[in-house]
Amino acid sequence: MHLLRLMLPLAGQAMDVKITVTRVGGDGSGLARAVVTSGRQYSGRWTTLAEHAALGMPPRYRPRPGEPVYRIEADEDAADVAERDLQGPLRELAIAVLAEGDG
């Protein structure tokens, strides 16, 4: 079992995790956003979302023609997911990063 490895910082150090979501639409259009947790308000929320998304154990990649696909990355872990399989914590993470991340 491979789970996202987020190391706890030493006292006084900020945890720095970069979470990136790229969405490629069925028409070839693209959208990418990223969140770097250090310096963000509620940085713990982001690391919790990433941990719960279990990027090391993504659903099987099985896109259909014309269906949007997502690449979700957090540090060294990544998942490629077809939109119909984007569910639960993985979906929550993708939506949050696309809505609140930097372009």
N, C-alpha and C. Protein backbone atom coordinates (compact mmCIF):
# COMPACT_ATOMS: atom_id res chain seq x y z
N MET A 1 0.85 -1.17 0.00
CA MET A 1 0.00 0.00 0.00
C MET A 1 0.89 1.23 0.00
N HIS A 2 0.66 2.13 -0.95
CA HIS A 2 1.47 3.34 -1.07
C HIS A 2 0.56 4.53 -0.80
N LEU A 3 0.85 5.26 0.23
CA LEU A 3 0.08 6.45 0.58
C LEU A 3 0.95 7.67 0.45
N LEU A 4 0.34 8.82 0.30
CA LEU A 4 1.06 10.08 0.24
C LEU A 4 1.89 10.24 1.50
N ARG A 5 3.16 10.47 1.34
CA ARG A 5 4.05 10.61 2.48
C ARG A 5 4.27 12.09 2.76
N LEU A 6 3.66 12.59 3.78
CA LEU A 6 3.86 13.96 4.20
C LEU A 6 4.63 13.93 5.51
N MET A 7 5.83 14.46 5.48
CA MET A 7 6.66 14.41 6.68
C MET A 7 6.27 15.55 7.60
N LEU A 8 6.21 15.26 8.88
CA LEU A 8 5.90 16.30 9.85
C LEU A 8 7.10 17.22 9.99
N PRO A 9 6.88 18.52 9.98
CA PRO A 9 8.00 19.45 10.09
C PRO A 9 8.53 19.49 11.52
N LEU A 10 9.77 19.91 11.65
CA LEU A 10 10.32 20.16 12.97
C LEU A 10 9.61 21.37 13.55
N ALA A 11 9.66 21.51 14.85
CA ALA A 11 8.98 22.63 15.51
C ALA A 11 9.39 23.95 14.86
N GLY A 12 8.41 24.74 14.49
CA GLY A 12 8.68 26.05 13.93
C GLY A 12 8.85 26.05 12.41
N GLN A 13 8.86 24.88 11.76
CA GLN A 13 9.00 24.82 10.32
C GLN A 13 7.63 24.63 9.68
N ALA A 14 7.43 25.28 8.56
CA ALA A 14 6.17 25.13 7.84
C ALA A 14 6.25 23.94 6.89
N MET A 15 5.16 23.19 6.81
CA MET A 15 5.09 22.06 5.88
C MET A 15 4.86 22.64 4.49
N ASP A 16 5.63 22.19 3.52
CA ASP A 16 5.56 22.72 2.17
C ASP A 16 5.21 21.60 1.21
N VAL A 17 3.96 21.54 0.80
CA VAL A 17 3.49 20.54 -0.15
C VAL A 17 2.89 21.28 -1.33
N LYS A 18 3.27 20.86 -2.54
CA LYS A 18 2.67 21.44 -3.75
C LYS A 18 1.68 20.44 -4.31
N ILE A 19 0.44 20.89 -4.48
CA ILE A 19 -0.63 20.06 -5.03
C ILE A 19 -1.03 20.69 -6.36
N THR A 20 -0.99 19.90 -7.41
CA THR A 20 -1.31 20.39 -8.76
C THR A 20 -2.42 19.54 -9.36
N VAL A 21 -3.38 20.20 -10.00
CA VAL A 21 -4.45 19.50 -10.71
C VAL A 21 -4.49 20.06 -12.13
N THR A 22 -4.44 19.15 -13.09
CA THR A 22 -4.56 19.51 -14.50
C THR A 22 -5.78 18.79 -15.05
N ARG A 23 -6.67 19.54 -15.67
CA ARG A 23 -7.87 18.97 -16.30
C ARG A 23 -7.76 19.18 -17.79
N VAL A 24 -7.87 18.09 -18.54
CA VAL A 24 -7.89 18.17 -20.00
C VAL A 24 -9.29 17.76 -20.44
N GLY A 25 -9.99 18.71 -21.06
CA GLY A 25 -11.35 18.46 -21.50
C GLY A 25 -11.41 17.55 -22.70
N GLY A 26 -12.57 17.02 -22.97
CA GLY A 26 -12.76 16.14 -24.11
C GLY A 26 -12.47 16.82 -25.43
N ASP A 27 -12.51 18.15 -25.44
CA ASP A 27 -12.22 18.91 -26.66
C ASP A 27 -10.75 19.31 -26.74
N GLY A 28 -9.94 18.86 -25.78
CA GLY A 28 -8.52 19.19 -25.77
C GLY A 28 -8.16 20.44 -24.99
N SER A 29 -9.16 21.14 -24.48
CA SER A 29 -8.88 22.33 -23.68
C SER A 29 -8.24 21.92 -22.36
N GLY A 30 -7.44 22.80 -21.80
CA GLY A 30 -6.75 22.47 -20.57
C GLY A 30 -6.90 23.54 -19.50
N LEU A 31 -6.83 23.10 -18.26
CA LEU A 31 -6.88 23.98 -17.11
C LEU A 31 -5.97 23.39 -16.06
N ALA A 32 -5.06 24.19 -15.53
CA ALA A 32 -4.15 23.71 -14.49
C ALA A 32 -4.10 24.73 -13.36
N ARG A 33 -4.13 24.22 -12.15
CA ARG A 33 -4.03 25.06 -10.96
C ARG A 33 -3.15 24.35 -9.95
N ALA A 34 -2.52 25.14 -9.08
CA ALA A 34 -1.64 24.57 -8.06
C ALA A 34 -1.82 25.29 -6.74
N VAL A 35 -1.60 24.56 -5.67
CA VAL A 35 -1.63 25.10 -4.32
C VAL A 35 -0.32 24.69 -3.64
N VAL A 36 0.39 25.66 -3.12
CA VAL A 36 1.56 25.38 -2.27
C VAL A 36 1.11 25.67 -0.85
N THR A 37 1.20 24.67 0.01
CA THR A 37 0.57 24.77 1.33
C THR A 37 1.25 25.76 2.26
N SER A 38 2.57 25.90 2.18
CA SER A 38 3.24 26.80 3.12
C SER A 38 2.80 28.23 2.87
N GLY A 39 2.56 28.94 3.92
CA GLY A 39 2.15 30.32 3.83
C GLY A 39 0.66 30.52 3.56
N ARG A 40 -0.06 29.46 3.34
CA ARG A 40 -1.50 29.57 3.10
C ARG A 40 -2.26 29.45 4.41
N GLN A 41 -3.31 30.22 4.51
CA GLN A 41 -4.20 30.05 5.65
C GLN A 41 -4.82 28.67 5.52
N TYR A 42 -4.97 27.99 6.62
CA TYR A 42 -5.55 26.64 6.65
C TYR A 42 -4.71 25.63 5.86
N SER A 43 -3.38 25.72 5.97
CA SER A 43 -2.52 24.80 5.23
C SER A 43 -2.78 23.35 5.64
N GLY A 44 -3.18 23.12 6.87
CA GLY A 44 -3.50 21.77 7.32
C GLY A 44 -4.66 21.17 6.56
N ARG A 45 -5.59 22.00 6.14
CA ARG A 45 -6.74 21.53 5.34
C ARG A 45 -6.24 20.90 4.04
N TRP A 46 -5.28 21.54 3.41
CA TRP A 46 -4.76 21.04 2.13
C TRP A 46 -4.02 19.72 2.30
N THR A 47 -3.20 19.62 3.32
CA THR A 47 -2.47 18.36 3.52
C THR A 47 -3.44 17.24 3.88
N THR A 48 -4.47 17.55 4.64
CA THR A 48 -5.48 16.55 4.98
C THR A 48 -6.23 16.09 3.72
N LEU A 49 -6.62 17.04 2.87
CA LEU A 49 -7.29 16.68 1.62
C LEU A 49 -6.39 15.77 0.77
N ALA A 50 -5.11 16.10 0.68
CA ALA A 50 -4.18 15.30 -0.12
C ALA A 50 -4.00 13.91 0.47
N GLU A 51 -3.89 13.82 1.77
CA GLU A 51 -3.73 12.51 2.41
C GLU A 51 -4.96 11.64 2.19
N HIS A 52 -6.15 12.22 2.34
CA HIS A 52 -7.38 11.45 2.18
C HIS A 52 -7.62 11.04 0.73
N ALA A 53 -7.06 11.79 -0.22
CA ALA A 53 -7.24 11.46 -1.64
C ALA A 53 -6.50 10.19 -2.03
N ALA A 54 -5.53 9.77 -1.23
CA ALA A 54 -4.78 8.52 -1.46
C ALA A 54 -4.30 8.42 -2.90
N LEU A 55 -3.50 9.38 -3.32
CA LEU A 55 -3.02 9.41 -4.70
C LEU A 55 -2.18 8.18 -5.06
N GLY A 56 -1.63 7.52 -4.08
CA GLY A 56 -0.87 6.31 -4.33
C GLY A 56 -1.73 5.10 -4.67
N MET A 57 -3.05 5.25 -4.47
CA MET A 57 -3.99 4.16 -4.77
C MET A 57 -5.17 4.69 -5.58
N PRO A 58 -4.90 5.25 -6.75
CA PRO A 58 -6.00 5.85 -7.53
C PRO A 58 -6.88 4.78 -8.16
N PRO A 59 -8.07 5.18 -8.61
CA PRO A 59 -8.90 4.24 -9.36
C PRO A 59 -8.21 3.91 -10.69
N ARG A 60 -8.60 2.81 -11.28
CA ARG A 60 -8.02 2.43 -12.57
C ARG A 60 -8.28 3.52 -13.60
N TYR A 61 -7.28 3.81 -14.43
CA TYR A 61 -7.41 4.84 -15.45
C TYR A 61 -8.11 4.25 -16.66
N ARG A 62 -9.32 4.72 -16.92
CA ARG A 62 -10.12 4.18 -18.02
C ARG A 62 -10.97 5.27 -18.67
N PRO A 63 -10.32 6.21 -19.33
CA PRO A 63 -11.07 7.29 -19.98
C PRO A 63 -11.83 6.81 -21.20
N ARG A 64 -12.87 7.53 -21.53
CA ARG A 64 -13.65 7.28 -22.74
C ARG A 64 -13.38 8.43 -23.71
N PRO A 65 -13.52 8.20 -25.00
CA PRO A 65 -13.32 9.29 -25.96
C PRO A 65 -14.21 10.48 -25.64
N GLY A 66 -13.63 11.66 -25.65
CA GLY A 66 -14.38 12.89 -25.39
C GLY A 66 -14.60 13.20 -23.93
N GLU A 67 -14.14 12.35 -23.02
CA GLU A 67 -14.35 12.55 -21.58
C GLU A 67 -13.17 13.33 -20.99
N PRO A 68 -13.43 14.30 -20.13
CA PRO A 68 -12.33 14.99 -19.46
C PRO A 68 -11.52 14.03 -18.58
N VAL A 69 -10.24 14.30 -18.49
CA VAL A 69 -9.35 13.52 -17.63
C VAL A 69 -8.57 14.48 -16.73
N TYR A 70 -8.12 13.96 -15.61
CA TYR A 70 -7.42 14.77 -14.61
C TYR A 70 -6.09 14.14 -14.26
N ARG A 71 -5.10 14.98 -14.04
CA ARG A 71 -3.81 14.57 -13.46
C ARG A 71 -3.73 15.31 -12.14
N ILE A 72 -3.62 14.57 -11.04
CA ILE A 72 -3.58 15.15 -9.70
C ILE A 72 -2.26 14.76 -9.07
N GLU A 73 -1.49 15.74 -8.64
CA GLU A 73 -0.16 15.49 -8.07
C GLU A 73 -0.02 16.17 -6.72
N ALA A 74 0.64 15.50 -5.81
CA ALA A 74 1.01 16.08 -4.51
C ALA A 74 2.40 15.56 -4.19
N ASP A 75 3.37 16.44 -4.25
CA ASP A 75 4.77 16.06 -4.09
C ASP A 75 5.11 14.93 -5.07
N GLU A 76 5.51 13.77 -4.60
CA GLU A 76 5.95 12.70 -5.48
C GLU A 76 4.82 11.76 -5.91
N ASP A 77 3.63 11.92 -5.38
CA ASP A 77 2.51 11.05 -5.70
C ASP A 77 1.65 11.69 -6.78
N ALA A 78 1.12 10.86 -7.67
CA ALA A 78 0.28 11.37 -8.75
C ALA A 78 -0.76 10.34 -9.15
N ALA A 79 -1.87 10.84 -9.70
CA ALA A 79 -2.93 9.96 -10.18
C ALA A 79 -3.51 10.55 -11.46
N ASP A 80 -3.77 9.69 -12.43
CA ASP A 80 -4.50 10.05 -13.64
C ASP A 80 -5.88 9.43 -13.51
N VAL A 81 -6.92 10.27 -13.66
CA VAL A 81 -8.28 9.80 -13.40
C VAL A 81 -9.23 10.35 -14.46
N ALA A 82 -10.07 9.47 -15.00
CA ALA A 82 -11.14 9.90 -15.89
C ALA A 82 -12.23 10.56 -15.04
N GLU A 83 -12.92 11.52 -15.62
CA GLU A 83 -13.89 12.29 -14.84
C GLU A 83 -14.95 11.41 -14.17
N ARG A 84 -15.43 10.38 -14.83
CA ARG A 84 -16.47 9.54 -14.22
C ARG A 84 -15.96 8.77 -13.01
N ASP A 85 -14.64 8.61 -12.90
CA ASP A 85 -14.06 7.90 -11.76
C ASP A 85 -13.54 8.85 -10.68
N LEU A 86 -13.71 10.13 -10.89
CA LEU A 86 -13.26 11.13 -9.93
C LEU A 86 -14.33 11.26 -8.83
N GLN A 87 -14.13 10.53 -7.73
CA GLN A 87 -15.14 10.46 -6.68
C GLN A 87 -14.50 10.62 -5.30
N GLY A 88 -15.33 10.87 -4.31
CA GLY A 88 -14.91 10.91 -2.92
C GLY A 88 -13.83 11.94 -2.66
N PRO A 89 -12.86 11.61 -1.79
CA PRO A 89 -11.82 12.56 -1.41
C PRO A 89 -10.96 13.02 -2.60
N LEU A 90 -10.79 12.18 -3.60
CA LEU A 90 -10.02 12.58 -4.78
C LEU A 90 -10.74 13.71 -5.52
N ARG A 91 -12.05 13.59 -5.62
CA ARG A 91 -12.87 14.63 -6.26
C ARG A 91 -12.84 15.92 -5.43
N GLU A 92 -12.95 15.79 -4.12
CA GLU A 92 -12.90 16.96 -3.25
C GLU A 92 -11.59 17.73 -3.43
N LEU A 93 -10.48 16.99 -3.48
CA LEU A 93 -9.18 17.62 -3.67
C LEU A 93 -9.10 18.32 -5.02
N ALA A 94 -9.51 17.64 -6.08
CA ALA A 94 -9.44 18.22 -7.42
C ALA A 94 -10.28 19.49 -7.52
N ILE A 95 -11.49 19.44 -7.03
CA ILE A 95 -12.37 20.61 -7.09
C ILE A 95 -11.79 21.78 -6.28
N ALA A 96 -11.29 21.49 -5.10
CA ALA A 96 -10.73 22.55 -4.25
C ALA A 96 -9.52 23.21 -4.91
N VAL A 97 -8.62 22.42 -5.46
CA VAL A 97 -7.43 23.00 -6.10
C VAL A 97 -7.83 23.80 -7.35
N LEU A 98 -8.71 23.27 -8.17
CA LEU A 98 -9.14 24.01 -9.36
C LEU A 98 -9.85 25.31 -8.99
N ALA A 99 -10.60 25.31 -7.91
CA ALA A 99 -11.35 26.51 -7.50
C ALA A 99 -10.47 27.53 -6.80
N GLU A 100 -9.51 27.08 -5.98
CA GLU A 100 -8.77 27.99 -5.13
C GLU A 100 -7.28 28.12 -5.47
N GLY A 101 -6.80 27.29 -6.37
CA GLY A 101 -5.38 27.28 -6.69
C GLY A 101 -4.98 28.43 -7.60
N ASP A 102 -3.67 28.57 -7.76
CA ASP A 102 -3.10 29.59 -8.61
C ASP A 102 -2.82 28.99 -9.98
N GLY A 103 -3.01 29.81 -11.02
CA GLY A 103 -2.85 29.33 -12.40
C GLY A 103 -1.48 29.35 -12.91
